Amino acid sequence: MISLAVSLIIVDSTIVNVAIPSIVQDLGIDSTGVQWVQESYTLVFAALLLVFGTLGDRYGRRRLLLIGVVVFALSSVVAALASDGSVLVASRLVQGVGGAMVLPSTLSLINAGFRGPERGIAFAVWGSTIGGMSAVGPLLGGWLTTSFSWRWAFGINIPIAAVIVVGALAAVAESRDGTRRRLDPVGAVLSVVASAALVFALIEGRAYGWWAVEHRPRVGSWEWPGDISPIPYVLGLAVMAALACAFWAIRRDRYGKGSMFSVELLRIPSFRNGNIAALIVSLGEFGIILVLPIWLQNVLGFSALETGLILLALAIGSFAASGLAGAVGHRASAVIVVRVGLAAEIAGVAGLGIVIGPGTTWGLLVPFLFVYGFGVGLATAQLTGVVLKDVPVTLSGQASGTQSTSRQIGSALGIAVLGTVLFSSAAGVLGSSLDARGVPADQRDSIVAAVVDSSGGAIASLAGSPATAQAASDSRVAFSEGTRLAAWSAAGFLAVGLLATLSLSGGAGGRRLQGGPPDEGLAEPARAGAQQPPVS
């Protein structure tokens, strides 16, 4: 049930991207609306992970999981029935709230409910589910949109949510922090502001400009003034809120009041260093998942469904890794498995960088996607286990929320960086090619802007006219070169992540908080001597 809950939110975060063209055609939303349909979920989701992880510790992790699933399902109903863009965006915001309740709850339930070899297997299944469902989402979205309607991309969440609720009530034990720590509303607000501002800046930096304003935000009749982009101000707000949150947490912990984020967690080397590694690894992992579908559809001309089928190789590799991780989990340390997984990811992504081109066939891509997915299945799960291995069960939700937030920030940063690499290099290569052909400057700029602003979608229309057919060919080469550079950049970030794992110990005996190892911080039912049903 825990893995199914993870599947629900991961699939939804990727399935919508494939359905966007049909949504635009049906609801008639503009480019700004499209951005918010895609990004509103991510923004709210990332901002609330730490808050709900901590609330799960206090009020019950299974309870928060169930509430999150219900909120997610109800908002999915609204999204499926949306009559205009504003209703769809509002429902996506609420979906983000539900998703933020679910993800840290799944991690903390695993941390509280599994011990010994079963713990490694559970994290392997959890991580492989994330990697695999990231690839299954586009396939499922392409099939539902093509065969039925984009509305079923949201409607499919409802029966899945019903199964999760019934299964969790029957098979997942409740657990919570029995110490009943005090609530910290100020810390909650500061953590939300810091996370939301940082993720917003990373998502919108390329659109609005990282320093000089390139696109002025508008709210009704009001337009952003001045020549400096809003992004530096938002980043400054994120830094100030993060510092204020840290100082506030230190002050409350000093007086024994409890805080939204326990500073003591940072004294655990595996937790501290593991979060740094997870952020860097996510930077490379999730950025490339954004880049590949754009290239496959707009350059190679695959349909949404065909793109999903190609990316299915990634999912197959990820699920295959979970079986191997379970088999070798008791023979090799988790850190070794993480390093092997990252090496496989690097090999897969670097291989993609070698074969990517305007005439690449799908048969050349599938083996490298499988290797990459296999690495994701090994590294993602076991790295999560390493991060949480020395965390007391009483702080599982808070630690899980922090770990998930680190991954989301890394994901947003990866999308920002690799997206910039893709579009900037594609624009430069295309502009140079058109210059070499003697295309006038104003016409060159118009073609480059049309191709880049449409993420390559304009290539098909350019190819349809004899007058611009050569420009379409140049655009395919340029976008392929941008995708190639993005793949190599992702491989570079993953290599840095691999180096970051050198700070992690391979054993299970890292430094822990006072009060004993996590095995001693048993969930509430165990302390009460109650019978616990198995966690599934």
Protein backbone atom coordinates (compact mmCIF):
# COMPACT_ATOMS: atom_id res chain seq x y z
CA MET A 1 0.00 0.00 0.00
CA ILE A 2 2.88 2.35 0.75
CA SER A 3 4.38 1.80 -2.71
CA LEU A 4 0.98 2.31 -4.32
CA ALA A 5 0.62 5.63 -2.47
CA VAL A 6 4.02 6.71 -3.78
CA SER A 7 2.96 5.68 -7.30
CA LEU A 8 -0.15 7.86 -7.05
CA ILE A 9 1.73 11.11 -6.52
CA ILE A 10 4.76 10.36 -8.72
CA VAL A 11 2.65 9.35 -11.74
CA ASP A 12 0.50 12.46 -11.38
CA SER A 13 3.54 14.73 -11.40
CA THR A 14 4.59 13.38 -14.83
CA ILE A 15 1.34 12.29 -16.46
CA VAL A 16 0.05 15.86 -16.83
CA ASN A 17 3.00 16.98 -18.97
CA VAL A 18 1.93 14.66 -21.79
CA ALA A 19 -1.70 15.80 -21.56
CA ILE A 20 -0.89 19.54 -21.78
CA PRO A 21 -1.49 19.95 -25.58
CA SER A 22 -4.98 18.44 -25.27
CA ILE A 23 -5.72 20.56 -22.18
CA VAL A 24 -4.73 23.72 -24.07
CA GLN A 25 -6.95 22.80 -27.01
CA ASP A 26 -9.95 21.91 -24.82
CA LEU A 27 -9.81 24.70 -22.23
CA GLY A 28 -8.14 27.37 -24.35
CA ILE A 29 -5.63 28.40 -21.68
CA ASP A 30 -2.68 30.65 -22.53
CA SER A 31 1.05 30.00 -22.04
CA THR A 32 0.98 31.43 -18.50
CA GLY A 33 -1.87 29.10 -17.62
CA VAL A 34 0.07 26.15 -19.02
CA GLN A 35 3.02 27.01 -16.78
CA TRP A 36 0.82 27.15 -13.70
CA VAL A 37 -0.94 23.87 -14.51
CA GLN A 38 2.47 22.20 -14.57
CA GLU A 39 4.21 24.09 -11.77
CA SER A 40 1.54 24.89 -9.16
CA TYR A 41 1.57 21.27 -7.97
CA THR A 42 5.37 21.17 -7.65
CA LEU A 43 5.52 24.51 -5.85
CA VAL A 44 2.99 23.63 -3.14
CA PHE A 45 4.26 20.06 -2.88
CA ALA A 46 7.87 21.10 -2.21
CA ALA A 47 6.90 23.89 0.20
CA LEU A 48 4.85 21.69 2.54
CA LEU A 49 6.90 18.47 2.73
CA LEU A 50 8.75 19.40 5.93
CA VAL A 51 5.62 20.73 7.64
CA PHE A 52 3.55 17.62 7.01
CA GLY A 53 6.44 15.32 7.82
CA THR A 54 6.65 16.90 11.27
CA LEU A 55 2.85 16.87 11.75
CA GLY A 56 2.86 13.16 10.88
CA ASP A 57 5.27 12.53 13.75
CA ARG A 58 2.87 14.21 16.18
CA TYR A 59 -0.58 13.18 14.97
CA GLY A 60 0.10 9.84 13.29
CA ARG A 61 1.88 8.94 10.07
CA ARG A 62 -0.78 6.60 8.74
CA ARG A 63 -3.47 9.14 9.60
CA LEU A 64 -1.69 11.85 7.61
CA LEU A 65 -1.15 9.42 4.72
CA LEU A 66 -4.89 8.65 4.59
CA ILE A 67 -5.88 12.32 4.80
CA GLY A 68 -3.42 13.15 2.04
CA VAL A 69 -4.75 10.41 -0.24
CA VAL A 70 -8.35 11.60 0.28
CA VAL A 71 -7.39 15.24 -0.38
CA PHE A 72 -5.51 14.15 -3.48
CA ALA A 73 -8.46 12.10 -4.77
CA LEU A 74 -11.05 14.83 -4.18
CA SER A 75 -8.92 17.45 -5.91
CA SER A 76 -8.41 15.00 -8.79
CA VAL A 77 -12.20 14.89 -9.22
CA VAL A 78 -12.28 18.68 -9.49
CA ALA A 79 -9.39 18.63 -11.98
CA ALA A 80 -11.07 15.99 -14.13
CA LEU A 81 -14.27 18.07 -14.27
CA ALA A 82 -12.55 21.47 -14.66
CA SER A 83 -14.37 23.82 -17.02
CA ASP A 84 -11.58 26.37 -17.35
CA GLY A 85 -7.90 26.91 -16.60
CA SER A 86 -8.38 28.68 -13.26
CA VAL A 87 -10.34 25.73 -11.80
CA LEU A 88 -7.68 23.31 -13.06
CA VAL A 89 -4.84 25.35 -11.51
CA ALA A 90 -6.71 25.61 -8.19
CA SER A 91 -7.24 21.84 -8.13
CA ARG A 92 -3.55 21.29 -8.86
CA LEU A 93 -2.64 23.48 -5.89
CA VAL A 94 -4.81 21.32 -3.62
CA GLN A 95 -3.29 18.17 -5.17
CA GLY A 96 0.10 19.51 -4.08
CA VAL A 97 -1.17 19.73 -0.50
CA GLY A 98 -2.34 16.11 -0.61
CA GLY A 99 0.89 14.93 -2.21
CA ALA A 100 2.96 16.69 0.46
CA MET A 101 1.04 14.75 3.12
CA VAL A 102 1.61 11.42 1.39
CA LEU A 103 5.31 11.32 0.44
CA PRO A 104 7.01 11.91 3.83
CA SER A 105 4.39 9.69 5.48
CA THR A 106 5.37 6.76 3.24
CA LEU A 107 9.04 7.17 4.09
CA SER A 108 8.50 7.52 7.84
CA LEU A 109 6.16 4.50 7.88
CA ILE A 110 8.89 2.41 6.25
CA ASN A 111 11.46 3.78 8.70
CA ALA A 112 9.17 2.88 11.62
CA GLY A 113 7.81 -0.43 10.36
CA PHE A 114 10.78 -2.35 8.95
CA ARG A 115 14.00 -3.64 10.51
CA GLY A 116 16.97 -5.73 9.40
CA PRO A 117 17.13 -7.11 5.82
CA GLU A 118 13.45 -6.28 5.24
CA ARG A 119 14.27 -2.60 5.69
CA GLY A 120 16.66 -2.60 2.73
CA ILE A 121 14.13 -4.44 0.57
CA ALA A 122 11.38 -1.98 1.54
CA PHE A 123 13.52 1.02 0.62
CA ALA A 124 14.51 -0.70 -2.64
CA VAL A 125 10.87 -1.13 -3.61
CA TRP A 126 10.09 2.47 -2.57
CA GLY A 127 12.96 3.93 -4.60
CA SER A 128 12.32 1.75 -7.65
CA THR A 129 8.69 2.82 -7.57
CA ILE A 130 9.74 6.48 -7.77
CA GLY A 131 12.15 5.86 -10.64
CA GLY A 132 9.83 3.52 -12.52
CA MET A 133 6.69 5.59 -12.15
CA SER A 134 8.51 8.70 -13.38
CA ALA A 135 8.78 6.84 -16.68
CA VAL A 136 5.38 5.12 -16.56
CA GLY A 137 3.61 8.47 -16.11
CA PRO A 138 4.23 9.71 -19.68
CA LEU A 139 3.18 6.32 -21.10
CA LEU A 140 -0.03 6.24 -19.09
CA GLY A 141 -0.73 9.88 -19.87
CA GLY A 142 -0.15 9.36 -23.58
CA TRP A 143 -2.46 6.34 -23.68
CA LEU A 144 -5.29 7.96 -21.68
CA THR A 145 -5.10 11.22 -23.62
CA THR A 146 -4.94 9.53 -27.02
CA SER A 147 -7.53 6.81 -26.42
CA PHE A 148 -9.94 8.63 -24.10
CA SER A 149 -9.47 12.19 -22.79
CA TRP A 150 -6.97 14.24 -20.84
CA ARG A 151 -9.56 14.26 -18.04
CA TRP A 152 -8.83 10.60 -17.37
CA ALA A 153 -5.24 11.56 -16.54
CA PHE A 154 -6.79 12.90 -13.32
CA GLY A 155 -9.78 10.54 -13.11
CA ILE A 156 -7.56 7.47 -12.85
CA ASN A 157 -6.38 8.70 -9.43
CA ILE A 158 -9.78 8.09 -7.84
CA PRO A 159 -9.99 4.26 -7.95
CA ILE A 160 -6.29 4.01 -7.03
CA ALA A 161 -6.89 6.24 -4.00
CA ALA A 162 -9.82 4.08 -2.90
CA VAL A 163 -7.63 0.96 -2.98
CA ILE A 164 -4.91 2.74 -0.97
CA VAL A 165 -7.34 3.86 1.75
CA VAL A 166 -8.84 0.39 2.19
CA GLY A 167 -5.45 -1.33 2.10
CA ALA A 168 -3.77 1.10 4.51
CA LEU A 169 -6.56 0.73 7.06
CA ALA A 170 -6.26 -3.04 6.86
CA ALA A 171 -2.51 -3.57 6.65
CA VAL A 172 -0.52 -0.50 7.82
CA ALA A 173 0.10 0.08 11.53
CA GLU A 174 -0.25 3.58 12.95
CA SER A 175 2.85 5.16 14.48
CA ARG A 176 3.60 8.53 16.01
CA ASP A 177 6.01 10.34 18.32
CA GLY A 178 4.86 9.49 21.84
CA THR A 179 6.63 12.53 23.37
CA ARG A 180 3.99 14.91 21.96
CA ARG A 181 6.39 17.67 20.98
CA ARG A 182 5.03 21.22 20.95
CA LEU A 183 3.78 22.70 17.70
CA ASP A 184 5.92 25.38 16.04
CA PRO A 185 3.68 27.57 13.82
CA VAL A 186 6.36 30.24 13.31
CA GLY A 187 8.87 27.64 12.16
CA ALA A 188 6.23 26.12 9.88
CA VAL A 189 5.55 29.46 8.18
CA LEU A 190 9.26 30.22 7.76
CA SER A 191 9.99 26.77 6.29
CA VAL A 192 7.09 27.10 3.82
CA VAL A 193 8.23 30.56 2.72
CA ALA A 194 11.85 29.42 2.31
CA SER A 195 10.97 26.28 0.33
CA ALA A 196 8.29 27.93 -1.83
CA ALA A 197 10.45 30.95 -2.67
CA LEU A 198 13.48 28.83 -3.59
CA VAL A 199 11.51 26.40 -5.77
CA PHE A 200 9.60 29.27 -7.45
CA ALA A 201 12.86 31.04 -8.30
CA LEU A 202 14.42 27.88 -9.74
CA ILE A 203 11.32 27.11 -11.82
CA GLU A 204 10.73 30.64 -13.14
CA GLY A 205 14.31 31.91 -13.39
CA ARG A 206 14.69 31.18 -17.10
CA ALA A 207 11.29 32.72 -17.92
CA TYR A 208 11.65 35.96 -15.93
CA GLY A 209 15.43 36.30 -16.16
CA TRP A 210 18.02 35.47 -13.52
CA TRP A 211 19.05 39.13 -13.14
CA ALA A 212 17.87 41.45 -15.93
CA VAL A 213 14.14 41.17 -16.52
CA GLU A 214 13.29 39.18 -19.66
CA HIS A 215 9.56 38.70 -19.07
CA ARG A 216 7.56 40.94 -16.77
CA PRO A 217 5.10 39.15 -14.46
CA ARG A 218 1.56 40.52 -14.61
CA VAL A 219 -1.26 40.32 -12.08
CA GLY A 220 -4.39 41.86 -13.58
CA SER A 221 -3.44 45.34 -14.75
CA TRP A 222 -0.29 45.49 -12.58
CA GLU A 223 3.05 44.77 -14.23
CA TRP A 224 6.43 44.18 -12.60
CA PRO A 225 8.35 47.51 -12.63
CA GLY A 226 12.05 48.18 -13.21
CA ASP A 227 14.75 46.40 -15.17
CA ILE A 228 15.77 43.89 -12.51
CA SER A 229 14.00 40.54 -12.60
CA PRO A 230 11.91 39.49 -9.57
CA ILE A 231 14.02 36.32 -9.26
CA PRO A 232 16.93 37.90 -7.28
CA TYR A 233 14.41 39.29 -4.79
CA VAL A 234 12.67 35.92 -4.44
CA LEU A 235 16.01 34.17 -3.93
CA GLY A 236 16.88 36.75 -1.28
CA LEU A 237 13.57 36.06 0.45
CA ALA A 238 14.33 32.32 0.39
CA VAL A 239 17.75 32.86 1.99
CA MET A 240 16.40 35.19 4.70
CA ALA A 241 13.51 32.85 5.52
CA ALA A 242 15.86 29.85 5.69
CA LEU A 243 18.26 31.70 8.03
CA ALA A 244 15.38 32.90 10.20
CA CYS A 245 14.02 29.35 10.34
CA ALA A 246 17.42 28.02 11.42
CA PHE A 247 17.89 30.66 14.15
CA TRP A 248 14.33 30.12 15.36
CA ALA A 249 14.84 26.35 15.53
CA ILE A 250 18.11 26.74 17.47
CA ARG A 251 16.43 29.09 19.94
CA ARG A 252 13.44 26.80 20.54
CA ASP A 253 15.62 23.70 20.87
CA ARG A 254 17.82 25.52 23.37
CA TYR A 255 14.80 26.08 25.63
CA GLY A 256 13.45 22.58 25.05
CA LYS A 257 10.31 23.74 23.24
CA GLY A 258 10.73 21.66 20.09
CA SER A 259 10.86 23.11 16.60
CA MET A 260 9.62 22.45 13.07
CA PHE A 261 13.10 21.17 12.23
CA SER A 262 15.21 19.60 14.96
CA VAL A 263 18.74 20.97 14.63
CA GLU A 264 19.96 17.81 16.36
CA LEU A 265 19.28 15.90 13.14
CA LEU A 266 22.17 17.75 11.50
CA ARG A 267 24.52 16.23 14.09
CA ILE A 268 23.90 12.80 12.52
CA PRO A 269 26.59 12.44 9.80
CA SER A 270 24.59 9.96 7.70
CA PHE A 271 21.57 12.28 7.69
CA ARG A 272 23.53 15.48 7.03
CA ASN A 273 25.87 14.15 4.34
CA GLY A 274 23.18 11.93 2.82
CA ASN A 275 20.88 14.89 2.25
CA ILE A 276 23.66 16.77 0.48
CA ALA A 277 24.31 13.77 -1.76
CA ALA A 278 20.57 13.30 -2.41
CA LEU A 279 20.18 16.92 -3.50
CA ILE A 280 23.09 16.68 -5.95
CA VAL A 281 21.95 13.33 -7.32
CA SER A 282 18.38 14.59 -7.83
CA LEU A 283 19.81 17.53 -9.77
CA GLY A 284 21.08 15.13 -12.43
CA GLU A 285 18.28 12.55 -12.27
CA PHE A 286 15.18 14.65 -12.69
CA GLY A 287 16.58 17.25 -15.08
CA ILE A 288 17.22 14.68 -17.79
CA ILE A 289 13.68 13.28 -17.44
CA LEU A 290 12.39 16.75 -18.44
CA VAL A 291 14.73 17.09 -21.42
CA LEU A 292 14.28 13.70 -23.11
CA PRO A 293 10.50 13.84 -23.84
CA ILE A 294 10.90 17.26 -25.48
CA TRP A 295 13.57 15.93 -27.82
CA LEU A 296 11.77 12.65 -28.55
CA GLN A 297 8.52 14.35 -29.54
CA ASN A 298 9.55 17.63 -31.13
CA VAL A 299 12.79 16.57 -32.84
CA LEU A 300 12.40 12.86 -33.62
CA GLY A 301 8.65 13.18 -34.14
CA PHE A 302 7.43 10.44 -31.80
CA SER A 303 3.89 10.71 -30.46
CA ALA A 304 3.16 11.06 -26.75
CA LEU A 305 2.31 7.36 -26.55
CA GLU A 306 5.43 6.31 -28.47
CA THR A 307 7.55 8.51 -26.23
CA GLY A 308 6.06 6.81 -23.19
CA LEU A 309 6.82 3.39 -24.65
CA ILE A 310 10.46 4.33 -25.22
CA LEU A 311 10.82 5.69 -21.68
CA LEU A 312 9.27 2.47 -20.38
CA ALA A 313 12.77 0.97 -20.68
CA LEU A 314 13.76 3.26 -17.80
CA ALA A 315 10.89 1.95 -15.66
CA ILE A 316 11.75 -1.69 -16.46
CA GLY A 317 15.36 -1.10 -15.43
CA SER A 318 14.26 0.59 -12.21
CA PHE A 319 11.95 -2.26 -11.20
CA ALA A 320 14.60 -4.84 -12.10
CA ALA A 321 16.97 -3.07 -9.72
CA SER A 322 14.60 -3.51 -6.80
CA GLY A 323 14.85 -7.30 -7.17
CA LEU A 324 18.63 -7.18 -7.24
CA ALA A 325 18.77 -4.80 -4.26
CA GLY A 326 16.65 -7.21 -2.26
CA ALA A 327 18.90 -10.12 -3.19
CA VAL A 328 22.22 -8.46 -2.35
CA GLY A 329 20.99 -6.20 0.46
CA HIS A 330 22.34 -8.51 3.17
CA ARG A 331 25.68 -9.03 1.40
CA ALA A 332 26.72 -5.49 0.49
CA SER A 333 26.40 -2.25 2.44
CA ALA A 334 23.78 0.26 1.33
CA VAL A 335 26.47 2.84 0.46
CA ILE A 336 28.17 0.39 -1.93
CA VAL A 337 24.82 -0.27 -3.63
CA VAL A 338 24.28 3.50 -3.95
CA ARG A 339 27.68 3.93 -5.60
CA VAL A 340 27.07 1.06 -8.03
CA GLY A 341 23.69 2.58 -8.88
CA LEU A 342 25.16 6.02 -9.48
CA ALA A 343 27.87 4.52 -11.70
CA ALA A 344 25.13 2.83 -13.75
CA GLU A 345 23.22 6.12 -13.98
CA ILE A 346 26.33 7.93 -15.19
CA ALA A 347 27.01 5.23 -17.80
CA GLY A 348 23.41 5.33 -19.03
CA VAL A 349 23.14 9.12 -19.29
CA ALA A 350 26.61 9.51 -20.82
CA GLY A 351 25.67 6.81 -23.34
CA LEU A 352 22.57 8.79 -24.27
CA GLY A 353 24.77 11.84 -24.78
CA ILE A 354 26.87 9.86 -27.25
CA VAL A 355 24.00 8.48 -29.39
CA ILE A 356 21.66 11.49 -29.36
CA GLY A 357 21.31 13.10 -32.77
CA PRO A 358 18.65 14.25 -35.27
CA GLY A 359 18.54 10.77 -36.86
CA THR A 360 18.77 8.60 -33.75
CA THR A 361 16.52 5.53 -33.73
CA TRP A 362 14.68 4.30 -30.66
CA GLY A 363 16.68 1.07 -30.67
CA LEU A 364 19.85 3.00 -29.81
CA LEU A 365 18.17 4.70 -26.85
CA VAL A 366 16.50 1.77 -25.10
CA PRO A 367 19.66 0.00 -23.77
CA PHE A 368 21.01 3.20 -22.23
CA LEU A 369 17.61 4.09 -20.75
CA PHE A 370 17.47 0.62 -19.18
CA VAL A 371 20.94 1.02 -17.66
CA TYR A 372 20.03 4.49 -16.39
CA GLY A 373 16.76 3.23 -14.88
CA PHE A 374 18.57 0.30 -13.30
CA GLY A 375 20.94 2.75 -11.63
CA VAL A 376 18.05 4.92 -10.40
CA GLY A 377 16.40 1.86 -8.87
CA LEU A 378 19.57 1.00 -6.95
CA ALA A 379 20.72 4.46 -5.93
CA THR A 380 17.48 6.27 -5.06
CA ALA A 381 16.19 3.65 -2.64
CA GLN A 382 19.40 2.83 -0.84
CA LEU A 383 20.45 6.47 -0.54
CA THR A 384 17.14 7.13 1.21
CA GLY A 385 17.87 4.25 3.57
CA VAL A 386 21.33 5.65 4.32
CA VAL A 387 19.90 9.10 5.07
CA LEU A 388 17.37 7.71 7.56
CA LYS A 389 19.31 4.78 9.03
CA ASP A 390 20.45 6.59 12.21
CA VAL A 391 17.32 8.73 12.68
CA PRO A 392 15.17 7.82 15.71
CA VAL A 393 11.67 6.67 14.80
CA THR A 394 10.25 9.55 16.86
CA LEU A 395 11.69 11.97 14.28
CA SER A 396 10.97 9.86 11.18
CA GLY A 397 8.38 12.19 9.68
CA GLN A 398 10.50 15.29 10.18
CA ALA A 399 13.58 13.58 8.73
CA SER A 400 11.56 12.14 5.83
CA GLY A 401 10.12 15.56 5.05
CA THR A 402 13.61 17.07 5.08
CA GLN A 403 14.95 14.33 2.81
CA SER A 404 12.04 14.73 0.39
CA THR A 405 12.50 18.50 0.39
CA SER A 406 16.20 18.09 -0.45
CA ARG A 407 15.25 15.91 -3.42
CA GLN A 408 12.59 18.37 -4.60
CA ILE A 409 15.00 21.29 -4.42
CA GLY A 410 17.57 19.24 -6.31
CA SER A 411 14.92 18.33 -8.87
CA ALA A 412 13.89 21.96 -9.36
CA LEU A 413 17.53 23.01 -9.62
CA GLY A 414 18.20 20.24 -12.15
CA ILE A 415 15.24 21.29 -14.29
CA ALA A 416 16.42 24.92 -14.16
CA VAL A 417 20.05 24.12 -14.99
CA LEU A 418 19.52 21.44 -17.64
CA GLY A 419 16.63 23.40 -19.15
CA THR A 420 18.93 26.40 -19.48
CA VAL A 421 21.65 24.22 -21.03
CA LEU A 422 19.17 22.76 -23.52
CA PHE A 423 17.53 25.99 -24.66
CA SER A 424 20.61 28.24 -24.54
CA SER A 425 22.81 25.84 -26.50
CA ALA A 426 20.02 25.09 -28.98
CA ALA A 427 19.51 28.81 -29.56
CA GLY A 428 23.25 29.38 -30.04
CA VAL A 429 23.75 26.47 -32.45
CA LEU A 430 20.63 27.33 -34.48
CA GLY A 431 21.58 31.00 -34.68
CA SER A 432 25.08 30.13 -35.93
CA SER A 433 23.67 27.71 -38.52
CA LEU A 434 21.25 30.30 -39.88
CA ASP A 435 24.03 32.91 -39.99
CA ALA A 436 26.19 30.51 -41.99
CA ARG A 437 23.34 30.17 -44.50
CA GLY A 438 23.11 33.94 -44.87
CA VAL A 439 19.67 34.27 -43.26
CA PRO A 440 18.93 37.95 -42.47
CA ALA A 441 19.30 38.88 -38.81
CA ASP A 442 15.64 39.73 -38.19
CA GLN A 443 14.46 36.49 -39.83
CA ARG A 444 17.11 34.51 -37.94
CA ASP A 445 15.99 35.95 -34.59
CA SER A 446 12.36 35.22 -35.42
CA ILE A 447 13.08 31.57 -36.25
CA VAL A 448 15.28 31.05 -33.17
CA ALA A 449 12.66 32.64 -30.89
CA ALA A 450 9.84 30.56 -32.40
CA VAL A 451 11.76 27.27 -32.05
CA VAL A 452 13.13 27.89 -28.55
CA ASP A 453 9.97 29.43 -27.07
CA SER A 454 7.92 26.46 -28.30
CA SER A 455 10.47 23.96 -26.90
CA GLY A 456 10.94 22.71 -30.45
CA GLY A 457 7.24 22.47 -31.20
CA ALA A 458 7.62 24.91 -34.11
CA ILE A 459 9.96 22.53 -35.98
CA ALA A 460 7.06 20.60 -37.52
CA SER A 461 5.48 23.77 -38.96
CA LEU A 462 8.84 24.93 -40.32
CA ALA A 463 9.30 21.55 -42.01
CA GLY A 464 5.87 21.86 -43.65
CA SER A 465 6.93 24.81 -45.80
CA PRO A 466 9.58 24.49 -48.55
CA ALA A 467 10.82 28.00 -47.73
CA THR A 468 11.73 27.02 -44.15
CA ALA A 469 12.45 23.30 -44.54
CA GLN A 470 16.19 23.87 -44.21
CA ALA A 471 15.63 25.89 -41.04
CA ALA A 472 13.67 22.94 -39.64
CA SER A 473 16.62 20.65 -40.38
CA ASP A 474 18.98 23.09 -38.66
CA SER A 475 16.58 23.25 -35.70
CA ARG A 476 16.63 19.47 -35.31
CA VAL A 477 20.41 19.49 -35.26
CA ALA A 478 20.46 22.39 -32.77
CA PHE A 479 17.96 20.80 -30.38
CA SER A 480 19.77 17.49 -30.60
CA GLU A 481 23.02 19.23 -29.70
CA GLY A 482 21.30 20.96 -26.76
CA THR A 483 19.88 17.65 -25.55
CA ARG A 484 23.29 16.01 -25.91
CA LEU A 485 24.92 18.73 -23.79
CA ALA A 486 22.13 18.46 -21.21
CA ALA A 487 22.72 14.70 -20.96
CA TRP A 488 26.43 15.18 -20.43
CA SER A 489 25.72 17.89 -17.85
CA ALA A 490 23.41 15.48 -16.01
CA ALA A 491 26.16 12.85 -16.08
CA GLY A 492 28.53 15.44 -14.60
CA PHE A 493 26.16 16.24 -11.74
CA LEU A 494 25.68 12.54 -11.05
CA ALA A 495 29.46 12.14 -10.94
CA VAL A 496 29.62 14.92 -8.33
CA GLY A 497 26.87 13.10 -6.43
CA LEU A 498 28.94 9.92 -6.57
CA LEU A 499 31.88 11.80 -5.07
CA ALA A 500 29.57 13.19 -2.38
CA THR A 501 28.78 9.63 -1.26
CA LEU A 502 32.43 9.23 -0.22
CA SER A 503 31.47 11.15 2.94
CA LEU A 504 28.98 8.40 3.84
CA SER A 505 30.03 5.43 5.94
CA GLY A 506 29.15 1.94 4.78
CA GLY A 507 28.27 0.53 8.16
CA ALA A 508 25.18 0.89 10.25
CA GLY A 509 26.90 2.25 13.25
CA GLY A 510 27.02 5.94 12.51
CA ARG A 511 26.58 8.57 15.17
CA ARG A 512 23.03 8.75 16.50
CA LEU A 513 21.11 11.11 18.70
CA GLN A 514 21.07 10.50 22.39
CA GLY A 515 18.44 7.98 23.29
CA GLY A 516 19.71 5.07 21.23
CA PRO A 517 19.43 3.76 17.73
CA PRO A 518 16.30 4.03 15.64
CA ASP A 519 15.36 0.45 16.45
CA GLU A 520 14.82 1.53 20.05
CA GLY A 521 12.47 4.37 19.11
CA LEU A 522 9.58 2.01 18.51
CA ALA A 523 6.26 3.21 17.24
CA GLU A 524 3.49 3.77 19.75
CA PRO A 525 1.63 0.48 19.26
CA ALA A 526 4.80 -1.50 19.99
CA ARG A 527 5.46 0.40 23.21
CA ALA A 528 1.94 -0.30 24.31
CA GLY A 529 2.41 -3.97 23.58
CA ALA A 530 -0.32 -3.96 20.95
CA GLN A 531 -0.45 -6.38 18.06
CA GLN A 532 0.86 -4.68 14.90
CA PRO A 533 -0.40 -5.70 11.48
CA PRO A 534 2.31 -5.90 8.84
CA VAL A 535 3.19 -2.86 6.75
CA SER A 536 2.66 -3.55 3.06
